[in-house]
N, C-alpha and C. Protein backbone atom coordinates (compact mmCIF):
# COMPACT_ATOMS: atom_id res chain seq x y z
N MET A 1 137.73 89.88 96.18
CA MET A 1 136.91 90.22 95.59
C MET A 1 138.12 90.73 94.09
N SER A 2 137.24 90.37 93.16
CA SER A 2 137.85 90.34 91.83
C SER A 2 137.20 91.61 91.45
N VAL A 3 138.30 92.46 91.06
CA VAL A 3 137.85 93.74 90.55
C VAL A 3 137.96 94.10 88.77
N LYS A 4 137.01 94.43 88.07
CA LYS A 4 137.21 94.56 86.58
C LYS A 4 137.30 95.93 86.22
N VAL A 5 137.68 96.34 84.96
CA VAL A 5 137.41 97.79 84.46
C VAL A 5 136.63 97.36 83.53
N ARG A 6 135.25 98.20 83.49
CA ARG A 6 134.60 98.02 82.49
C ARG A 6 133.21 99.02 82.06
N MET A 7 132.59 99.05 81.47
CA MET A 7 131.61 100.06 81.26
C MET A 7 130.25 99.98 81.68
N THR A 8 129.79 100.81 81.76
CA THR A 8 128.41 101.10 82.59
C THR A 8 127.58 102.01 81.64
N ARG A 9 126.39 101.65 81.60
CA ARG A 9 125.25 102.31 80.33
C ARG A 9 124.86 103.47 80.97
N MET A 10 124.76 104.77 80.38
CA MET A 10 123.81 105.87 81.01
C MET A 10 123.25 106.61 79.70
N GLY A 11 122.56 107.36 79.67
CA GLY A 11 121.78 107.89 78.62
C GLY A 11 120.33 107.60 78.53
N SER A 12 120.05 108.05 77.47
CA SER A 12 118.62 107.22 77.35
C SER A 12 118.07 106.44 76.04
N LYS A 13 116.87 105.90 75.77
CA LYS A 13 116.86 104.82 75.09
C LYS A 13 117.53 105.33 73.39
N LYS A 14 118.15 104.69 72.92
CA LYS A 14 118.59 104.60 71.64
C LYS A 14 119.85 105.79 71.79
N ARG A 15 120.12 106.16 72.66
CA ARG A 15 121.32 107.46 72.92
C ARG A 15 122.15 107.27 74.00
N ALA A 16 122.73 106.02 74.14
CA ALA A 16 123.66 105.48 75.17
C ALA A 16 125.08 106.21 75.05
N MET A 17 125.35 106.37 76.13
CA MET A 17 126.53 107.05 76.56
C MET A 17 127.19 106.27 77.57
N PHE A 18 128.61 106.11 77.65
CA PHE A 18 128.97 104.78 78.70
C PHE A 18 130.08 105.53 79.42
N ARG A 19 130.12 104.86 80.85
CA ARG A 19 131.08 105.37 81.63
C ARG A 19 131.85 104.30 81.92
N ILE A 20 133.47 104.71 82.04
CA ILE A 20 134.30 103.38 82.41
C ILE A 20 134.45 103.66 83.64
N VAL A 21 134.79 102.24 84.57
CA VAL A 21 134.40 102.21 85.87
C VAL A 21 135.26 100.95 86.28
N ALA A 22 135.66 100.94 87.33
CA ALA A 22 136.03 100.38 88.24
C ALA A 22 135.39 99.42 89.19
N ILE A 23 134.89 98.39 89.10
CA ILE A 23 133.91 97.81 89.68
C ILE A 23 134.08 96.18 90.18
N ASP A 24 133.38 95.86 91.35
CA ASP A 24 133.32 94.26 91.43
C ASP A 24 132.79 93.66 90.43
N SER A 25 133.22 92.04 90.04
CA SER A 25 132.99 91.53 88.97
C SER A 25 131.84 91.04 89.03
N ALA A 26 131.34 90.78 90.37
CA ALA A 26 130.06 90.26 90.44
C ALA A 26 129.28 91.11 90.74
N SER A 27 129.14 92.54 90.31
CA SER A 27 128.28 93.61 90.51
C SER A 27 127.68 93.57 89.30
N ARG A 28 126.18 93.76 89.09
CA ARG A 28 125.61 94.03 88.08
C ARG A 28 126.05 95.04 87.21
N ARG A 29 125.50 95.25 85.80
CA ARG A 29 126.08 96.21 84.87
C ARG A 29 126.45 97.31 85.35
N ASP A 30 124.91 98.06 85.82
CA ASP A 30 124.91 99.25 86.48
C ASP A 30 124.99 99.44 87.63
N GLY A 31 125.60 98.36 88.26
CA GLY A 31 125.63 98.45 89.94
C GLY A 31 126.48 99.82 90.37
N ARG A 32 126.44 99.78 91.67
CA ARG A 32 127.47 100.96 92.44
C ARG A 32 129.09 100.45 92.06
N PRO A 33 129.98 101.55 91.26
CA PRO A 33 131.45 101.16 91.16
C PRO A 33 132.12 101.95 92.13
N LEU A 34 133.35 101.16 92.13
CA LEU A 34 134.37 101.66 93.24
C LEU A 34 134.63 102.96 93.00
N GLU A 35 135.18 103.18 91.60
CA GLU A 35 135.51 104.57 91.04
C GLU A 35 135.26 104.56 89.63
N PHE A 36 135.10 105.87 89.10
CA PHE A 36 134.80 106.50 87.82
C PHE A 36 136.03 106.70 87.09
N LEU A 37 136.31 106.06 86.03
CA LEU A 37 137.84 106.33 85.61
C LEU A 37 137.87 107.35 83.80
N GLY A 38 136.68 107.10 83.76
CA GLY A 38 136.49 108.09 82.55
C GLY A 38 135.03 107.50 81.67
N PHE A 39 134.92 108.26 80.28
CA PHE A 39 133.62 108.08 79.37
C PHE A 39 133.98 107.69 78.09
N TYR A 40 132.74 106.90 77.51
CA TYR A 40 132.75 106.97 76.06
C TYR A 40 131.70 107.56 75.61
N ASN A 41 131.81 108.14 74.70
CA ASN A 41 130.33 108.57 73.91
C ASN A 41 130.57 108.43 72.36
N PRO A 42 129.59 107.08 71.92
CA PRO A 42 129.99 106.80 70.85
C PRO A 42 129.04 107.62 69.49
N HIS A 43 128.18 108.66 70.14
CA HIS A 43 127.37 109.44 69.06
C HIS A 43 128.22 110.90 68.37
N THR A 44 129.08 111.24 68.68
CA THR A 44 130.10 112.05 68.53
C THR A 44 130.69 111.59 67.12
N ASP A 45 131.09 112.48 66.28
CA ASP A 45 132.19 112.11 65.38
C ASP A 45 133.30 113.01 65.19
N PRO A 46 134.59 112.14 65.92
CA PRO A 46 134.70 110.77 65.93
C PRO A 46 134.09 110.58 67.51
N ALA A 47 134.00 109.29 67.62
CA ALA A 47 133.24 108.97 69.02
C ALA A 47 134.69 109.30 69.87
N GLN A 48 134.20 110.10 71.01
CA GLN A 48 134.49 110.93 72.14
C GLN A 48 134.86 109.79 73.51
N VAL A 49 136.31 109.47 73.54
CA VAL A 49 136.92 108.49 74.73
C VAL A 49 137.67 109.54 75.55
N LYS A 50 137.50 109.51 76.57
CA LYS A 50 138.28 110.17 77.78
C LYS A 50 138.51 109.21 79.08
N ILE A 51 139.61 109.00 79.48
CA ILE A 51 139.91 107.98 80.19
C ILE A 51 141.10 108.61 80.92
N ASN A 52 140.82 108.72 82.71
CA ASN A 52 141.69 108.99 83.41
C ASN A 52 142.99 107.80 83.37
N GLU A 53 144.32 107.95 82.83
CA GLU A 53 145.16 106.89 82.77
C GLU A 53 145.75 106.81 84.08
N GLU A 54 145.74 107.71 84.70
CA GLU A 54 146.32 107.48 86.23
C GLU A 54 145.68 106.54 87.01
N LYS A 55 144.28 107.05 87.02
CA LYS A 55 143.81 106.02 88.02
C LYS A 55 143.53 104.86 87.31
N LEU A 56 143.77 104.67 86.06
CA LEU A 56 143.25 103.14 85.18
C LEU A 56 144.61 102.40 85.85
N GLN A 57 145.74 103.12 85.75
CA GLN A 57 147.03 102.52 85.87
C GLN A 57 147.02 101.73 87.47
N ALA A 58 146.50 102.77 88.42
CA ALA A 58 146.51 102.38 89.98
C ALA A 58 145.95 101.20 90.14
N TRP A 59 144.53 100.87 89.71
CA TRP A 59 143.72 99.82 89.64
C TRP A 59 144.25 98.95 88.83
N LEU A 60 144.99 98.83 87.47
CA LEU A 60 145.53 97.63 87.23
C LEU A 60 146.77 97.22 87.99
N GLY A 61 147.39 98.29 88.70
CA GLY A 61 148.65 97.98 89.75
C GLY A 61 147.90 97.21 91.09
N LYS A 62 146.79 97.22 91.10
CA LYS A 62 145.87 96.30 92.29
C LYS A 62 145.44 95.03 92.12
N GLY A 63 145.71 94.86 90.88
CA GLY A 63 144.95 93.61 89.92
C GLY A 63 144.24 93.51 89.24
N ALA A 64 143.24 94.70 88.91
CA ALA A 64 142.16 94.61 88.16
C ALA A 64 142.23 94.27 86.71
N GLU A 65 141.23 93.56 86.29
CA GLU A 65 141.42 93.32 84.84
C GLU A 65 140.34 94.10 83.60
N MET A 66 140.97 94.44 82.89
CA MET A 66 139.76 95.25 81.64
C MET A 66 139.35 94.32 81.33
N SER A 67 138.32 94.97 80.88
CA SER A 67 137.22 94.20 79.47
C SER A 67 138.09 94.32 78.20
N ASP A 68 137.39 93.34 77.40
CA ASP A 68 137.88 93.65 76.22
C ASP A 68 137.52 94.70 75.28
N THR A 69 136.56 95.40 75.93
CA THR A 69 135.63 96.61 75.20
C THR A 69 136.77 97.88 75.41
N VAL A 70 136.96 97.78 76.88
CA VAL A 70 137.84 98.76 77.35
C VAL A 70 139.19 98.82 76.89
N ARG A 71 139.78 97.79 76.73
CA ARG A 71 140.98 97.42 76.16
C ARG A 71 141.10 97.78 74.80
N SER A 72 140.22 97.61 73.99
CA SER A 72 140.29 98.28 72.65
C SER A 72 139.77 99.93 72.42
N LEU A 73 139.13 100.27 73.54
CA LEU A 73 138.85 101.51 73.35
C LEU A 73 140.38 102.59 73.91
N LEU A 74 141.16 101.87 74.85
CA LEU A 74 142.38 102.46 75.15
C LEU A 74 143.24 102.33 74.40
N ARG A 75 143.33 101.06 73.34
CA ARG A 75 144.25 101.08 72.16
C ARG A 75 143.92 102.19 71.09
N ARG A 76 142.77 102.35 70.74
CA ARG A 76 142.13 103.55 69.69
C ARG A 76 142.49 104.65 70.39
N MET A 77 142.40 104.81 71.70
CA MET A 77 142.53 106.51 71.88
C MET A 77 144.15 106.56 72.17
N LYS A 78 145.16 105.59 72.40
CA LYS A 78 146.61 105.91 72.14
C LYS A 78 147.11 105.72 70.82
N LYS A 79 146.38 105.04 69.74
CA LYS A 79 146.71 105.20 68.29
C LYS A 79 146.39 106.76 67.90
N ASP A 80 145.08 107.01 67.99
CA ASP A 80 144.58 108.42 67.90
C ASP A 80 145.71 109.82 68.01
N ALA A 81 146.18 109.55 69.33
CA ALA A 81 146.61 110.58 69.99
C ALA A 81 148.49 110.80 69.28
């Protein structure tokens, strides 16, 4: 089983918010995740990103791969801090 750290969509039409989750790579976009790791809200100014880095590092230590989008959000979050 290959695990990915990626985003799942939430919110209403044209007001999307995203959860950052650890999920089996074969699952659909909004399938049942293994664990919730954080969220991303692009509608606030500035965009709100919160990721539990301890949980993220634990999943990466188990061999999970980050999607490109999550990687760029994490990079932006660290740059702003």
